[in-house]
Amino acid sequence: GALLRSAQVWPGLGIVLFWVLYTTAVGGDMLGMFRFYVPVLPLLTSTV
């Protein structure tokens, strides 16, 4: 928990949250396999 609350983690997860809201608002994508979420997946998986 302490690492999750650190300045090295929570800003990155905040950017992921921003990207989720943006992707949802623009309607996602119809091209398959979650293209719009690919750029933030390294951030998300590596933070975990």
PDB file of all heavy atoms in Angstrom:
ATOM      1  N   GLY A   1       0.797  -1.228   0.000  1.00  0.00           N
ATOM      2  CA  GLY A   1       0.000   0.000   0.000  1.00  0.00           C
ATOM      3  C   GLY A   1       0.823   1.269   0.000  1.00  0.00           C
ATOM      4  O   GLY A   1       0.477   2.253  -0.670  1.00  0.00           O
ATOM      5  N   ALA A   2       1.924   1.277   0.737  1.00  0.00           N
ATOM      6  CA  ALA A   2       2.759   2.479   0.800  1.00  0.00           C
ATOM      7  C   ALA A   2       3.332   2.823  -0.574  1.00  0.00           C
ATOM      8  O   ALA A   2       3.388   3.999  -0.963  1.00  0.00           O
ATOM      9  CB  ALA A   2       3.884   2.278   1.813  1.00  0.00           C
ATOM     10  N   LEU A   3       3.752   1.815  -1.318  1.00  0.00           N
ATOM     11  CA  LEU A   3       4.276   2.069  -2.655  1.00  0.00           C
ATOM     12  C   LEU A   3       3.178   2.581  -3.587  1.00  0.00           C
ATOM     13  O   LEU A   3       3.409   3.464  -4.412  1.00  0.00           O
ATOM     14  CB  LEU A   3       4.907   0.797  -3.223  1.00  0.00           C
ATOM     15  CG  LEU A   3       5.535   0.932  -4.617  1.00  0.00           C
ATOM     16  CD1 LEU A   3       6.664   1.956  -4.607  1.00  0.00           C
ATOM     17  CD2 LEU A   3       6.053  -0.414  -5.114  1.00  0.00           C
ATOM     18  N   LEU A   4       1.981   2.034  -3.445  1.00  0.00           N
ATOM     19  CA  LEU A   4       0.860   2.472  -4.276  1.00  0.00           C
ATOM     20  C   LEU A   4       0.587   3.961  -4.077  1.00  0.00           C
ATOM     21  O   LEU A   4       0.234   4.669  -5.023  1.00  0.00           O
ATOM     22  CB  LEU A   4      -0.392   1.659  -3.942  1.00  0.00           C
ATOM     23  CG  LEU A   4      -1.676   2.034  -4.697  1.00  0.00           C
ATOM     24  CD1 LEU A   4      -1.514   1.784  -6.186  1.00  0.00           C
ATOM     25  CD2 LEU A   4      -2.866   1.250  -4.159  1.00  0.00           C
ATOM     26  N   ARG A   5       0.766   4.437  -2.846  1.00  0.00           N
ATOM     27  CA  ARG A   5       0.495   5.847  -2.542  1.00  0.00           C
ATOM     28  C   ARG A   5       1.689   6.752  -2.826  1.00  0.00           C
ATOM     29  O   ARG A   5       1.597   7.972  -2.667  1.00  0.00           O
ATOM     30  CB  ARG A   5       0.092   5.986  -1.069  1.00  0.00           C
ATOM     31  CG  ARG A   5      -1.222   5.310  -0.724  1.00  0.00           C
ATOM     32  CD  ARG A   5      -1.656   5.635   0.699  1.00  0.00           C
ATOM     33  NE  ARG A   5      -0.707   5.103   1.683  1.00  0.00           N
ATOM     34  CZ  ARG A   5      -0.779   3.899   2.220  1.00  0.00           C
ATOM     35  NH1 ARG A   5      -1.742   3.070   1.840  1.00  0.00           N
ATOM     36  NH2 ARG A   5       0.114   3.492   3.110  1.00  0.00           N
ATOM     37  N   SER A   6       2.785   6.184  -3.265  1.00  0.00           N
ATOM     38  CA  SER A   6       3.990   6.981  -3.489  1.00  0.00           C
ATOM     39  C   SER A   6       3.872   7.803  -4.772  1.00  0.00           C
ATOM     40  O   SER A   6       3.081   7.494  -5.664  1.00  0.00           O
ATOM     41  CB  SER A   6       5.219   6.072  -3.571  1.00  0.00           C
ATOM     42  OG  SER A   6       5.236   5.374  -4.808  1.00  0.00           O
ATOM     43  N   ALA A   7       4.715   8.834  -4.870  1.00  0.00           N
ATOM     44  CA  ALA A   7       4.707   9.716  -6.035  1.00  0.00           C
ATOM     45  C   ALA A   7       5.250   9.040  -7.289  1.00  0.00           C
ATOM     46  O   ALA A   7       5.175   9.614  -8.376  1.00  0.00           O
ATOM     47  CB  ALA A   7       5.522  10.971  -5.738  1.00  0.00           C
ATOM     48  N   GLN A   8       5.804   7.843  -7.136  1.00  0.00           N
ATOM     49  CA  GLN A   8       6.288   7.091  -8.281  1.00  0.00           C
ATOM     50  C   GLN A   8       5.210   6.217  -8.913  1.00  0.00           C
ATOM     51  O   GLN A   8       5.417   5.663  -9.993  1.00  0.00           O
ATOM     52  CB  GLN A   8       7.479   6.211  -7.879  1.00  0.00           C
ATOM     53  CG  GLN A   8       8.718   6.982  -7.438  1.00  0.00           C
ATOM     54  CD  GLN A   8       9.389   7.712  -8.581  1.00  0.00           C
ATOM     55  OE1 GLN A   8       8.953   8.804  -8.966  1.00  0.00           O
ATOM     56  NE2 GLN A   8      10.424   7.122  -9.146  1.00  0.00           N
ATOM     57  N   VAL A   9       4.067   6.077  -8.229  1.00  0.00           N
ATOM     58  CA  VAL A   9       3.025   5.173  -8.713  1.00  0.00           C
ATOM     59  C   VAL A   9       1.710   5.887  -9.017  1.00  0.00           C
ATOM     60  O   VAL A   9       1.171   5.760 -10.117  1.00  0.00           O
ATOM     61  CB  VAL A   9       2.780   4.029  -7.697  1.00  0.00           C
ATOM     62  CG1 VAL A   9       1.573   3.188  -8.104  1.00  0.00           C
ATOM     63  CG2 VAL A   9       4.018   3.146  -7.599  1.00  0.00           C
ATOM     64  N   TRP A  10       1.179   6.627  -8.045  1.00  0.00           N
ATOM     65  CA  TRP A  10      -0.177   7.129  -8.248  1.00  0.00           C
ATOM     66  C   TRP A  10      -0.331   8.096  -9.426  1.00  0.00           C
ATOM     67  O   TRP A  10      -1.377   8.092 -10.085  1.00  0.00           O
ATOM     68  CB  TRP A  10      -0.743   7.739  -6.959  1.00  0.00           C
ATOM     69  CG  TRP A  10      -0.099   9.012  -6.474  1.00  0.00           C
ATOM     70  CD1 TRP A  10       0.828   9.146  -5.494  1.00  0.00           C
ATOM     71  CD2 TRP A  10      -0.363  10.339  -6.958  1.00  0.00           C
ATOM     72  NE1 TRP A  10       1.176  10.464  -5.322  1.00  0.00           N
ATOM     73  CE2 TRP A  10       0.456  11.225  -6.202  1.00  0.00           C
ATOM     74  CE3 TRP A  10      -1.200  10.869  -7.927  1.00  0.00           C
ATOM     75  CZ2 TRP A  10       0.466  12.597  -6.413  1.00  0.00           C
ATOM     76  CZ3 TRP A  10      -1.191  12.244  -8.136  1.00  0.00           C
ATOM     77  CH2 TRP A  10      -0.372  13.098  -7.379  1.00  0.00           C
ATOM     78  N   PRO A  11       0.680   8.940  -9.787  1.00  0.00           N
ATOM     79  CA  PRO A  11       0.476   9.763 -10.981  1.00  0.00           C
ATOM     80  C   PRO A  11       0.319   8.926 -12.250  1.00  0.00           C
ATOM     81  O   PRO A  11      -0.477   9.261 -13.132  1.00  0.00           O
ATOM     82  CB  PRO A  11       1.750  10.624 -11.032  1.00  0.00           C
ATOM     83  CG  PRO A  11       2.247  10.662  -9.630  1.00  0.00           C
ATOM     84  CD  PRO A  11       1.938   9.294  -9.088  1.00  0.00           C
ATOM     85  N   GLY A  12       1.079   7.821 -12.346  1.00  0.00           N
ATOM     86  CA  GLY A  12       0.955   6.959 -13.517  1.00  0.00           C
ATOM     87  C   GLY A  12      -0.408   6.313 -13.604  1.00  0.00           C
ATOM     88  O   GLY A  12      -1.014   6.246 -14.687  1.00  0.00           O
ATOM     89  N   LEU A  13      -0.916   5.839 -12.479  1.00  0.00           N
ATOM     90  CA  LEU A  13      -2.255   5.254 -12.478  1.00  0.00           C
ATOM     91  C   LEU A  13      -3.313   6.320 -12.764  1.00  0.00           C
ATOM     92  O   LEU A  13      -4.344   6.030 -13.371  1.00  0.00           O
ATOM     93  CB  LEU A  13      -2.521   4.573 -11.138  1.00  0.00           C
ATOM     94  CG  LEU A  13      -1.659   3.333 -10.850  1.00  0.00           C
ATOM     95  CD1 LEU A  13      -2.025   2.734  -9.495  1.00  0.00           C
ATOM     96  CD2 LEU A  13      -1.813   2.287 -11.956  1.00  0.00           C
ATOM     97  N   GLY A  14      -3.037   7.560 -12.348  1.00  0.00           N
ATOM     98  CA  GLY A  14      -3.946   8.651 -12.690  1.00  0.00           C
ATOM     99  C   GLY A  14      -4.006   8.899 -14.184  1.00  0.00           C
ATOM    100  O   GLY A  14      -5.076   9.175 -14.742  1.00  0.00           O
ATOM    101  N   ILE A  15      -2.854   8.782 -14.857  1.00  0.00           N
ATOM    102  CA  ILE A  15      -2.823   8.935 -16.311  1.00  0.00           C
ATOM    103  C   ILE A  15      -3.594   7.797 -16.984  1.00  0.00           C
ATOM    104  O   ILE A  15      -4.307   8.016 -17.975  1.00  0.00           O
ATOM    105  CB  ILE A  15      -1.367   9.002 -16.804  1.00  0.00           C
ATOM    106  CG1 ILE A  15      -0.737  10.334 -16.362  1.00  0.00           C
ATOM    107  CG2 ILE A  15      -1.285   8.846 -18.326  1.00  0.00           C
ATOM    108  CD1 ILE A  15       0.735  10.459 -16.668  1.00  0.00           C
ATOM    109  N   VAL A  16      -3.473   6.584 -16.445  1.00  0.00           N
ATOM    110  CA  VAL A  16      -4.252   5.460 -16.978  1.00  0.00           C
ATOM    111  C   VAL A  16      -5.747   5.748 -16.832  1.00  0.00           C
ATOM    112  O   VAL A  16      -6.533   5.506 -17.763  1.00  0.00           O
ATOM    113  CB  VAL A  16      -3.876   4.149 -16.266  1.00  0.00           C
ATOM    114  CG1 VAL A  16      -4.836   3.025 -16.675  1.00  0.00           C
ATOM    115  CG2 VAL A  16      -2.445   3.752 -16.588  1.00  0.00           C
ATOM    116  N   LEU A  17      -6.150   6.268 -15.678  1.00  0.00           N
ATOM    117  CA  LEU A  17      -7.564   6.601 -15.467  1.00  0.00           C
ATOM    118  C   LEU A  17      -8.022   7.659 -16.463  1.00  0.00           C
ATOM    119  O   LEU A  17      -9.124   7.559 -17.035  1.00  0.00           O
ATOM    120  CB  LEU A  17      -7.773   7.091 -14.039  1.00  0.00           C
ATOM    121  CG  LEU A  17      -9.206   7.534 -13.692  1.00  0.00           C
ATOM    122  CD1 LEU A  17     -10.187   6.383 -13.890  1.00  0.00           C
ATOM    123  CD2 LEU A  17      -9.265   8.071 -12.264  1.00  0.00           C
ATOM    124  N   PHE A  18      -7.200   8.671 -16.679  1.00  0.00           N
ATOM    125  CA  PHE A  18      -7.530   9.683 -17.690  1.00  0.00           C
ATOM    126  C   PHE A  18      -7.742   9.039 -19.053  1.00  0.00           C
ATOM    127  O   PHE A  18      -8.691   9.366 -19.778  1.00  0.00           O
ATOM    128  CB  PHE A  18      -6.407  10.724 -17.772  1.00  0.00           C
ATOM    129  CG  PHE A  18      -6.422  11.531 -19.045  1.00  0.00           C
ATOM    130  CD1 PHE A  18      -7.300  12.585 -19.193  1.00  0.00           C
ATOM    131  CD2 PHE A  18      -5.566  11.211 -20.107  1.00  0.00           C
ATOM    132  CE1 PHE A  18      -7.330  13.326 -20.379  1.00  0.00           C
ATOM    133  CE2 PHE A  18      -5.594  11.940 -21.283  1.00  0.00           C
ATOM    134  CZ  PHE A  18      -6.479  13.003 -21.423  1.00  0.00           C
ATOM    135  N   TRP A  19      -6.850   8.109 -19.405  1.00  0.00           N
ATOM    136  CA  TRP A  19      -6.943   7.452 -20.713  1.00  0.00           C
ATOM    137  C   TRP A  19      -8.210   6.610 -20.821  1.00  0.00           C
ATOM    138  O   TRP A  19      -8.834   6.552 -21.876  1.00  0.00           O
ATOM    139  CB  TRP A  19      -5.711   6.594 -20.934  1.00  0.00           C
ATOM    140  CG  TRP A  19      -5.582   6.091 -22.341  1.00  0.00           C
ATOM    141  CD1 TRP A  19      -5.829   4.837 -22.798  1.00  0.00           C
ATOM    142  CD2 TRP A  19      -5.196   6.850 -23.486  1.00  0.00           C
ATOM    143  NE1 TRP A  19      -5.611   4.749 -24.140  1.00  0.00           N
ATOM    144  CE2 TRP A  19      -5.223   5.979 -24.593  1.00  0.00           C
ATOM    145  CE3 TRP A  19      -4.822   8.174 -23.672  1.00  0.00           C
ATOM    146  CZ2 TRP A  19      -4.892   6.403 -25.877  1.00  0.00           C
ATOM    147  CZ3 TRP A  19      -4.488   8.590 -24.954  1.00  0.00           C
ATOM    148  CH2 TRP A  19      -4.530   7.705 -26.038  1.00  0.00           C
ATOM    149  N   VAL A  20      -8.598   5.967 -19.730  1.00  0.00           N
ATOM    150  CA  VAL A  20      -9.833   5.181 -19.725  1.00  0.00           C
ATOM    151  C   VAL A  20     -11.035   6.091 -19.977  1.00  0.00           C
ATOM    152  O   VAL A  20     -11.925   5.771 -20.788  1.00  0.00           O
ATOM    153  CB  VAL A  20      -9.993   4.434 -18.379  1.00  0.00           C
ATOM    154  CG1 VAL A  20     -11.399   3.850 -18.250  1.00  0.00           C
ATOM    155  CG2 VAL A  20      -8.946   3.329 -18.261  1.00  0.00           C
ATOM    156  N   LEU A  21     -11.075   7.224 -19.295  1.00  0.00           N
ATOM    157  CA  LEU A  21     -12.191   8.160 -19.471  1.00  0.00           C
ATOM    158  C   LEU A  21     -12.204   8.724 -20.891  1.00  0.00           C
ATOM    159  O   LEU A  21     -13.271   8.843 -21.512  1.00  0.00           O
ATOM    160  CB  LEU A  21     -12.084   9.292 -18.453  1.00  0.00           C
ATOM    161  CG  LEU A  21     -12.234   8.882 -16.984  1.00  0.00           C
ATOM    162  CD1 LEU A  21     -11.986  10.071 -16.070  1.00  0.00           C
ATOM    163  CD2 LEU A  21     -13.608   8.282 -16.723  1.00  0.00           C
ATOM    164  N   TYR A  22     -11.033   9.051 -21.412  1.00  0.00           N
ATOM    165  CA  TYR A  22     -10.953   9.577 -22.775  1.00  0.00           C
ATOM    166  C   TYR A  22     -11.428   8.537 -23.791  1.00  0.00           C
ATOM    167  O   TYR A  22     -12.239   8.840 -24.680  1.00  0.00           O
ATOM    168  CB  TYR A  22      -9.513   9.994 -23.084  1.00  0.00           C
ATOM    169  CG  TYR A  22      -9.257  10.208 -24.558  1.00  0.00           C
ATOM    170  CD1 TYR A  22      -9.656  11.372 -25.194  1.00  0.00           C
ATOM    171  CD2 TYR A  22      -8.646   9.205 -25.329  1.00  0.00           C
ATOM    172  CE1 TYR A  22      -9.446  11.560 -26.551  1.00  0.00           C
ATOM    173  CE2 TYR A  22      -8.425   9.387 -26.680  1.00  0.00           C
ATOM    174  CZ  TYR A  22      -8.825  10.563 -27.297  1.00  0.00           C
ATOM    175  OH  TYR A  22      -8.632  10.730 -28.641  1.00  0.00           O
ATOM    176  N   THR A  23     -10.907   7.333 -23.687  1.00  0.00           N
ATOM    177  CA  THR A  23     -11.268   6.283 -24.635  1.00  0.00           C
ATOM    178  C   THR A  23     -12.760   5.997 -24.604  1.00  0.00           C
ATOM    179  O   THR A  23     -13.400   5.789 -25.651  1.00  0.00           O
ATOM    180  CB  THR A  23     -10.477   4.997 -24.320  1.00  0.00           C
ATOM    181  OG1 THR A  23      -9.078   5.265 -24.448  1.00  0.00           O
ATOM    182  CG2 THR A  23     -10.853   3.864 -25.259  1.00  0.00           C
ATOM    183  N   THR A  24     -13.332   5.991 -23.415  1.00  0.00           N
ATOM    184  CA  THR A  24     -14.767   5.772 -23.284  1.00  0.00           C
ATOM    185  C   THR A  24     -15.548   6.906 -23.927  1.00  0.00           C
ATOM    186  O   THR A  24     -16.535   6.676 -24.639  1.00  0.00           O
ATOM    187  CB  THR A  24     -15.152   5.635 -21.806  1.00  0.00           C
ATOM    188  OG1 THR A  24     -14.377   4.593 -21.206  1.00  0.00           O
ATOM    189  CG2 THR A  24     -16.633   5.313 -21.648  1.00  0.00           C
ATOM    190  N   ALA A  25     -15.103   8.145 -23.717  1.00  0.00           N
ATOM    191  CA  ALA A  25     -15.828   9.308 -24.221  1.00  0.00           C
ATOM    192  C   ALA A  25     -15.790   9.406 -25.742  1.00  0.00           C
ATOM    193  O   ALA A  25     -16.773   9.851 -26.355  1.00  0.00           O
ATOM    194  CB  ALA A  25     -15.249  10.584 -23.607  1.00  0.00           C
ATOM    195  N   VAL A  26     -14.690   8.984 -26.364  1.00  0.00           N
ATOM    196  CA  VAL A  26     -14.611   9.077 -27.831  1.00  0.00           C
ATOM    197  C   VAL A  26     -15.273   7.887 -28.518  1.00  0.00           C
ATOM    198  O   VAL A  26     -15.346   7.842 -29.750  1.00  0.00           O
ATOM    199  CB  VAL A  26     -13.164   9.226 -28.323  1.00  0.00           C
ATOM    200  CG1 VAL A  26     -12.544  10.495 -27.782  1.00  0.00           C
ATOM    201  CG2 VAL A  26     -12.325   8.011 -27.969  1.00  0.00           C
ATOM    202  N   GLY A  27     -15.729   6.906 -27.735  1.00  0.00           N
ATOM    203  CA  GLY A  27     -16.476   5.801 -28.325  1.00  0.00           C
ATOM    204  C   GLY A  27     -15.710   4.517 -28.522  1.00  0.00           C
ATOM    205  O   GLY A  27     -16.225   3.566 -29.109  1.00  0.00           O
ATOM    206  N   GLY A  28     -14.450   4.482 -28.036  1.00  0.00           N
ATOM    207  CA  GLY A  28     -13.675   3.262 -28.244  1.00  0.00           C
ATOM    208  C   GLY A  28     -13.269   3.111 -29.695  1.00  0.00           C
ATOM    209  O   GLY A  28     -13.047   4.091 -30.405  1.00  0.00           O
ATOM    210  N   ASP A  29     -13.218   1.876 -30.151  1.00  0.00           N
ATOM    211  CA  ASP A  29     -12.692   1.589 -31.477  1.00  0.00           C
ATOM    212  C   ASP A  29     -13.431   0.374 -32.031  1.00  0.00           C
ATOM    213  O   ASP A  29     -13.848  -0.512 -31.282  1.00  0.00           O
ATOM    214  CB  ASP A  29     -11.192   1.303 -31.374  1.00  0.00           C
ATOM    215  CG  ASP A  29     -10.510   1.209 -32.722  1.00  0.00           C
ATOM    216  OD1 ASP A  29     -10.974   1.868 -33.658  1.00  0.00           O
ATOM    217  OD2 ASP A  29      -9.516   0.478 -32.833  1.00  0.00           O
ATOM    218  N   MET A  30     -13.578   0.318 -33.343  1.00  0.00           N
ATOM    219  CA  MET A  30     -14.249  -0.833 -33.953  1.00  0.00           C
ATOM    220  C   MET A  30     -13.266  -1.753 -34.677  1.00  0.00           C
ATOM    221  O   MET A  30     -13.678  -2.665 -35.381  1.00  0.00           O
ATOM    222  CB  MET A  30     -15.329  -0.367 -34.939  1.00  0.00           C
ATOM    223  CG  MET A  30     -14.827   0.393 -36.136  1.00  0.00           C
ATOM    224  SD  MET A  30     -16.109   0.698 -37.383  1.00  0.00           S
ATOM    225  CE  MET A  30     -16.409  -0.962 -38.004  1.00  0.00           C
ATOM    226  N   LEU A  31     -11.973  -1.547 -34.497  1.00  0.00           N
ATOM    227  CA  LEU A  31     -10.971  -2.295 -35.253  1.00  0.00           C
ATOM    228  C   LEU A  31     -10.486  -3.564 -34.561  1.00  0.00           C
ATOM    229  O   LEU A  31      -9.695  -4.293 -35.116  1.00  0.00           O
ATOM    230  CB  LEU A  31      -9.783  -1.388 -35.585  1.00  0.00           C
ATOM    231  CG  LEU A  31     -10.126  -0.147 -36.414  1.00  0.00           C
ATOM    232  CD1 LEU A  31      -8.875   0.663 -36.707  1.00  0.00           C
ATOM    233  CD2 LEU A  31     -10.830  -0.524 -37.710  1.00  0.00           C
ATOM    234  N   GLY A  32     -10.911  -3.816 -33.341  1.00  0.00           N
ATOM    235  CA  GLY A  32     -10.585  -5.082 -32.690  1.00  0.00           C
ATOM    236  C   GLY A  32      -9.346  -5.049 -31.832  1.00  0.00           C
ATOM    237  O   GLY A  32      -8.417  -4.275 -32.042  1.00  0.00           O
ATOM    238  N   MET A  33      -9.318  -5.894 -30.819  1.00  0.00           N
ATOM    239  CA  MET A  33      -8.179  -6.132 -29.931  1.00  0.00           C
ATOM    240  C   MET A  33      -7.702  -4.875 -29.198  1.00  0.00           C
ATOM    241  O   MET A  33      -6.507  -4.675 -28.986  1.00  0.00           O
ATOM    242  CB  MET A  33      -7.019  -6.785 -30.673  1.00  0.00           C
ATOM    243  CG  MET A  33      -7.256  -8.246 -31.012  1.00  0.00           C
ATOM    244  SD  MET A  33      -7.783  -9.297 -29.624  1.00  0.00           S
ATOM    245  CE  MET A  33      -6.355  -9.251 -28.570  1.00  0.00           C
ATOM    246  N   PHE A  34      -8.658  -4.033 -28.799  1.00  0.00           N
ATOM    247  CA  PHE A  34      -8.386  -2.952 -27.847  1.00  0.00           C
ATOM    248  C   PHE A  34      -7.226  -2.053 -28.268  1.00  0.00           C
ATOM    249  O   PHE A  34      -6.366  -1.704 -27.461  1.00  0.00           O
ATOM    250  CB  PHE A  34      -8.113  -3.544 -26.455  1.00  0.00           C
ATOM    251  CG  PHE A  34      -9.208  -4.434 -25.949  1.00  0.00           C
ATOM    252  CD1 PHE A  34      -9.012  -5.807 -25.872  1.00  0.00           C
ATOM    253  CD2 PHE A  34     -10.423  -3.917 -25.565  1.00  0.00           C
ATOM    254  CE1 PHE A  34     -10.022  -6.651 -25.412  1.00  0.00           C
ATOM    255  CE2 PHE A  34     -11.442  -4.750 -25.099  1.00  0.00           C
ATOM    256  CZ  PHE A  34     -11.237  -6.112 -25.018  1.00  0.00           C
ATOM    257  N   ARG A  35      -7.235  -1.633 -29.526  1.00  0.00           N
ATOM    258  CA  ARG A  35      -6.146  -0.797 -30.036  1.00  0.00           C
ATOM    259  C   ARG A  35      -5.919   0.451 -29.178  1.00  0.00           C
ATOM    260  O   ARG A  35      -4.779   0.834 -28.913  1.00  0.00           O
ATOM    261  CB  ARG A  35      -6.440  -0.367 -31.474  1.00  0.00           C
ATOM    262  CG  ARG A  35      -5.426   0.605 -32.066  1.00  0.00           C
ATOM    263  CD  ARG A  35      -5.702   0.871 -33.525  1.00  0.00           C
ATOM    264  NE  ARG A  35      -6.942   1.592 -33.731  1.00  0.00           N
ATOM    265  CZ  ARG A  35      -7.022   2.831 -34.230  1.00  0.00           C
ATOM    266  NH1 ARG A  35      -5.921   3.473 -34.545  1.00  0.00           N
ATOM    267  NH2 ARG A  35      -8.193   3.414 -34.428  1.00  0.00           N
ATOM    268  N   PHE A  36      -7.012   1.096 -28.762  1.00  0.00           N
ATOM    269  CA  PHE A  36      -6.853   2.346 -28.035  1.00  0.00           C
ATOM    270  C   PHE A  36      -6.184   2.162 -26.676  1.00  0.00           C
ATOM    271  O   PHE A  36      -5.617   3.118 -26.133  1.00  0.00           O
ATOM    272  CB  PHE A  36      -8.218   3.013 -27.840  1.00  0.00           C
ATOM    273  CG  PHE A  36      -8.659   3.837 -29.026  1.00  0.00           C
ATOM    274  CD1 PHE A  36      -8.062   3.685 -30.262  1.00  0.00           C
ATOM    275  CD2 PHE A  36      -9.682   4.757 -28.909  1.00  0.00           C
ATOM    276  CE1 PHE A  36      -8.460   4.432 -31.348  1.00  0.00           C
ATOM    277  CE2 PHE A  36     -10.091   5.515 -29.986  1.00  0.00           C
ATOM    278  CZ  PHE A  36      -9.490   5.352 -31.221  1.00  0.00           C
ATOM    279  N   TYR A  37      -6.242   0.957 -26.113  1.00  0.00           N
ATOM    280  CA  TYR A  37      -5.665   0.747 -24.786  1.00  0.00           C
ATOM    281  C   TYR A  37      -4.221   0.244 -24.835  1.00  0.00           C
ATOM    282  O   TYR A  37      -3.563   0.158 -23.797  1.00  0.00           O
ATOM    283  CB  TYR A  37      -6.531  -0.229 -23.990  1.00  0.00           C
ATOM    284  CG  TYR A  37      -7.735   0.441 -23.380  1.00  0.00           C
ATOM    285  CD1 TYR A  37      -9.023   0.136 -23.813  1.00  0.00           C
ATOM    286  CD2 TYR A  37      -7.595   1.404 -22.397  1.00  0.00           C
ATOM    287  CE1 TYR A  37     -10.134   0.762 -23.270  1.00  0.00           C
ATOM    288  CE2 TYR A  37      -8.694   2.044 -21.847  1.00  0.00           C
ATOM    289  CZ  TYR A  37      -9.962   1.719 -22.291  1.00  0.00           C
ATOM    290  OH  TYR A  37     -11.050   2.355 -21.745  1.00  0.00           O
ATOM    291  N   VAL A  38      -3.724  -0.074 -26.014  1.00  0.00           N
ATOM    292  CA  VAL A  38      -2.361  -0.608 -26.111  1.00  0.00           C
ATOM    293  C   VAL A  38      -1.317   0.329 -25.510  1.00  0.00           C
ATOM    294  O   VAL A  38      -0.439  -0.123 -24.755  1.00  0.00           O
ATOM    295  CB  VAL A  38      -2.026  -0.941 -27.576  1.00  0.00           C
ATOM    296  CG1 VAL A  38      -0.537  -1.263 -27.743  1.00  0.00           C
ATOM    297  CG2 VAL A  38      -2.868  -2.130 -28.052  1.00  0.00           C
ATOM    298  N   PRO A  39      -1.339   1.638 -25.790  1.00  0.00           N
ATOM    299  CA  PRO A  39      -0.251   2.497 -25.289  1.00  0.00           C
ATOM    300  C   PRO A  39      -0.086   2.507 -23.778  1.00  0.00           C
ATOM    301  O   PRO A  39       1.041   2.666 -23.281  1.00  0.00           O
ATOM    302  CB  PRO A  39      -0.642   3.893 -25.816  1.00  0.00           C
ATOM    303  CG  PRO A  39      -1.471   3.623 -27.029  1.00  0.00           C
ATOM    304  CD  PRO A  39      -2.244   2.386 -26.685  1.00  0.00           C
ATOM    305  N   VAL A  40      -1.171   2.346 -23.014  1.00  0.00           N
ATOM    306  CA  VAL A  40      -1.048   2.411 -21.551  1.00  0.00           C
ATOM    307  C   VAL A  40      -0.873   1.042 -20.918  1.00  0.00           C
ATOM    308  O   VAL A  40      -0.653   0.955 -19.704  1.00  0.00           O
ATOM    309  CB  VAL A  40      -2.268   3.115 -20.917  1.00  0.00           C
ATOM    310  CG1 VAL A  40      -2.372   4.551 -21.409  1.00  0.00           C
ATOM    311  CG2 VAL A  40      -3.564   2.357 -21.173  1.00  0.00           C
ATOM    312  N   LEU A  41      -0.941  -0.011 -21.689  1.00  0.00           N
ATOM    313  CA  LEU A  41      -0.810  -1.349 -21.107  1.00  0.00           C
ATOM    314  C   LEU A  41       0.574  -1.603 -20.505  1.00  0.00           C
ATOM    315  O   LEU A  41       0.661  -2.221 -19.434  1.00  0.00           O
ATOM    316  CB  LEU A  41      -1.166  -2.415 -22.138  1.00  0.00           C
ATOM    317  CG  LEU A  41      -2.667  -2.735 -22.198  1.00  0.00           C
ATOM    318  CD1 LEU A  41      -3.030  -3.470 -23.474  1.00  0.00           C
ATOM    319  CD2 LEU A  41      -3.090  -3.537 -20.977  1.00  0.00           C
ATOM    320  N   PRO A  42       1.685  -1.160 -21.113  1.00  0.00           N
ATOM    321  CA  PRO A  42       2.973  -1.338 -20.426  1.00  0.00           C
ATOM    322  C   PRO A  42       3.010  -0.638 -19.077  1.00  0.00           C
ATOM    323  O   PRO A  42       3.570  -1.174 -18.109  1.00  0.00           O
ATOM    324  CB  PRO A  42       3.980  -0.721 -21.406  1.00  0.00           C
ATOM    325  CG  PRO A  42       3.325  -0.811 -22.738  1.00  0.00           C
ATOM    326  CD  PRO A  42       1.866  -0.604 -22.461  1.00  0.00           C
ATOM    327  N   LEU A  43       2.430   0.547 -18.995  1.00  0.00           N
ATOM    328  CA  LEU A  43       2.387   1.280 -17.734  1.00  0.00           C
ATOM    329  C   LEU A  43       1.580   0.503 -16.703  1.00  0.00           C
ATOM    330  O   LEU A  43       2.003   0.343 -15.554  1.00  0.00           O
ATOM    331  CB  LEU A  43       1.786   2.663 -17.983  1.00  0.00           C
ATOM    332  CG  LEU A  43       1.915   3.736 -16.894  1.00  0.00           C
ATOM    333  CD1 LEU A  43       1.717   5.128 -17.502  1.00  0.00           C
ATOM    334  CD2 LEU A  43       0.913   3.533 -15.775  1.00  0.00           C
ATOM    335  N   LEU A  44       0.446  -0.004 -17.130  1.00  0.00           N
ATOM    336  CA  LEU A  44      -0.451  -0.701 -16.204  1.00  0.00           C
ATOM    337  C   LEU A  44       0.149  -2.023 -15.733  1.00  0.00           C
ATOM    338  O   LEU A  44       0.197  -2.306 -14.526  1.00  0.00           O
ATOM    339  CB  LEU A  44      -1.793  -0.939 -16.900  1.00  0.00           C
ATOM    340  CG  LEU A  44      -2.954  -1.419 -16.046  1.00  0.00           C
ATOM    341  CD1 LEU A  44      -3.231  -0.468 -14.894  1.00  0.00           C
ATOM    342  CD2 LEU A  44      -4.208  -1.570 -16.904  1.00  0.00           C
ATOM    343  N   THR A  45       0.630  -2.841 -16.663  1.00  0.00           N
ATOM    344  CA  THR A  45       1.163  -4.150 -16.277  1.00  0.00           C
ATOM    345  C   THR A  45       2.431  -4.016 -15.437  1.00  0.00           C
ATOM    346  O   THR A  45       2.603  -4.735 -14.447  1.00  0.00           O
ATOM    347  CB  THR A  45       1.462  -5.006 -17.520  1.00  0.00           C
ATOM    348  OG1 THR A  45       2.357  -4.301 -18.391  1.00  0.00           O
ATOM    349  CG2 THR A  45       0.184  -5.328 -18.288  1.00  0.00           C
ATOM    350  N   SER A  46       3.317  -3.100 -15.803  1.00  0.00           N
ATOM    351  CA  SER A  46       4.576  -2.968 -15.071  1.00  0.00           C
ATOM    352  C   SER A  46       4.370  -2.386 -13.678  1.00  0.00           C
ATOM    353  O   SER A  46       5.091  -2.740 -12.735  1.00  0.00           O
ATOM    354  CB  SER A  46       5.555  -2.098 -15.862  1.00  0.00           C
ATOM    355  OG  SER A  46       5.890  -2.721 -17.083  1.00  0.00           O
ATOM    356  N   THR A  47       3.401  -1.496 -13.527  1.00  0.00           N
ATOM    357  CA  THR A  47       3.101  -0.972 -12.193  1.00  0.00           C
ATOM    358  C   THR A  47       2.600  -2.083 -11.280  1.00  0.00           C
ATOM    359  O   THR A  47       2.999  -2.172 -10.109  1.00  0.00           O
ATOM    360  CB  THR A  47       2.057   0.149 -12.289  1.00  0.00           C
ATOM    361  OG1 THR A  47       2.594   1.231 -13.071  1.00  0.00           O
ATOM    362  CG2 THR A  47       1.692   0.674 -10.909  1.00  0.00           C
ATOM    363  N   VAL A  48       1.747  -2.932 -11.809  1.00  0.00           N
ATOM    364  CA  VAL A  48       1.254  -4.066 -11.016  1.00  0.00           C
ATOM    365  C   VAL A  48       2.415  -4.988 -10.639  1.00  0.00           C
ATOM    366  O   VAL A  48       2.503  -5.461  -9.495  1.00  0.00           O
ATOM    367  CB  VAL A  48       0.160  -4.831 -11.790  1.00  0.00           C
ATOM    368  CG1 VAL A  48      -0.163  -6.152 -11.100  1.00  0.00           C
ATOM    369  CG2 VAL A  48      -1.085  -3.976 -11.907  1.00  0.00           C
TER     370      VAL A  48
END
